[in-house]
């Protein structure tokens, strides 16, 4: 594992301390975990963007044409006014 020094504004650090304390963690452990989550989210988003380039409206419509035209199962209905 590598260490970095990170300078953040005082108000951001206070918020970070507060969030970390609510999860009973040290600030550095909390910040490290959140940075890791952010990196994974960015990677996941990039992968979704890449996959979206392979799609097309024509293929979407072809797939939707295979869906049976029948009412939704109980509990899956759209709310009134949607």
Protein backbone atom coordinates (compact mmCIF):
# COMPACT_ATOMS: atom_id res chain seq x y z
CA UNK A 1 0.00 0.00 0.00
CA UNK A 2 1.24 3.48 -0.78
CA UNK A 3 0.77 6.64 1.24
CA UNK A 4 -0.22 10.06 -0.07
CA UNK A 5 -0.45 13.42 1.58
CA UNK A 6 -3.69 15.20 0.83
CA UNK A 7 -4.42 18.83 1.62
CA UNK A 8 -8.11 19.66 1.96
CA UNK A 9 -9.90 22.78 3.15
CA UNK A 10 -10.62 22.85 6.90
CA UNK A 11 -14.39 22.65 6.43
CA UNK A 12 -14.03 19.56 4.23
CA UNK A 13 -11.77 17.93 6.81
CA UNK A 14 -14.29 18.63 9.60
CA UNK A 15 -17.04 17.03 7.52
CA UNK A 16 -14.77 14.07 6.82
CA UNK A 17 -14.08 13.69 10.55
CA UNK A 18 -17.79 13.78 11.28
CA UNK A 19 -18.61 11.17 8.63
CA UNK A 20 -15.78 8.92 9.78
CA UNK A 21 -16.86 9.15 13.42
CA UNK A 22 -20.40 8.11 12.51
CA UNK A 23 -18.92 4.93 11.03
CA UNK A 24 -16.51 4.50 13.99
CA UNK A 25 -13.43 4.83 11.78
CA UNK A 26 -10.29 6.89 11.70
CA UNK A 27 -10.34 9.69 9.15
CA UNK A 28 -7.53 8.21 7.05
CA UNK A 29 -9.19 4.76 6.87
CA UNK A 30 -12.55 6.32 6.01
CA UNK A 31 -11.04 8.59 3.34
CA UNK A 32 -9.06 5.69 1.85
CA UNK A 33 -12.21 3.56 1.59
CA UNK A 34 -14.19 6.39 -0.02
CA UNK A 35 -11.42 7.10 -2.54
CA UNK A 36 -11.38 3.40 -3.42
CA UNK A 37 -15.17 3.45 -3.90
CA UNK A 38 -14.88 6.54 -6.10
CA UNK A 39 -12.21 4.96 -8.29
CA UNK A 40 -14.35 1.84 -8.72
CA UNK A 41 -17.41 3.95 -9.58
CA UNK A 42 -15.44 5.89 -12.21
CA UNK A 43 -14.16 2.62 -13.70
CA UNK A 44 -17.67 1.15 -13.71
CA UNK A 45 -19.07 4.25 -15.42
CA UNK A 46 -16.33 4.12 -18.06
CA UNK A 47 -17.16 0.47 -18.70
CA UNK A 48 -20.86 1.31 -19.07
CA UNK A 49 -20.03 4.09 -21.50
CA UNK A 50 -17.91 1.68 -23.53
CA UNK A 51 -20.67 -0.94 -23.57
CA UNK A 52 -23.26 1.67 -24.56
CA UNK A 53 -21.31 2.36 -27.75
CA UNK A 54 -22.08 -1.18 -28.90
CA UNK A 55 -25.83 -0.70 -28.61
CA UNK A 56 -28.27 0.65 -31.14
CA UNK A 57 -31.89 1.73 -31.15
CA UNK A 58 -32.60 -0.87 -33.82
CA UNK A 59 -31.32 -3.71 -31.61
CA UNK A 60 -33.21 -2.30 -28.62
CA UNK A 61 -36.47 -2.22 -30.56
CA UNK A 62 -35.86 -5.78 -31.81
CA UNK A 63 -35.35 -6.98 -28.23
CA UNK A 64 -38.43 -5.11 -26.98
CA UNK A 65 -40.52 -6.66 -29.76
CA UNK A 66 -39.89 -10.05 -28.12
CA UNK A 67 -41.48 -8.93 -24.83
CA UNK A 68 -45.05 -10.24 -24.49
CA UNK A 69 -47.77 -7.59 -24.51
CA UNK A 70 -49.56 -8.42 -21.29
CA UNK A 71 -50.31 -6.60 -18.03
CA UNK A 72 -47.58 -6.40 -15.39
CA UNK A 73 -47.46 -8.83 -12.50
CA UNK A 74 -49.18 -7.66 -9.28
CA UNK A 75 -46.92 -5.15 -7.56
CA UNK A 76 -45.10 -4.18 -10.76
CA UNK A 77 -47.69 -1.67 -11.96
CA UNK A 78 -46.65 1.93 -12.64
CA UNK A 79 -47.98 4.49 -10.16
CA UNK A 80 -51.06 6.43 -11.28
CA UNK A 81 -50.17 9.41 -13.47
CA UNK A 82 -46.87 7.96 -14.73
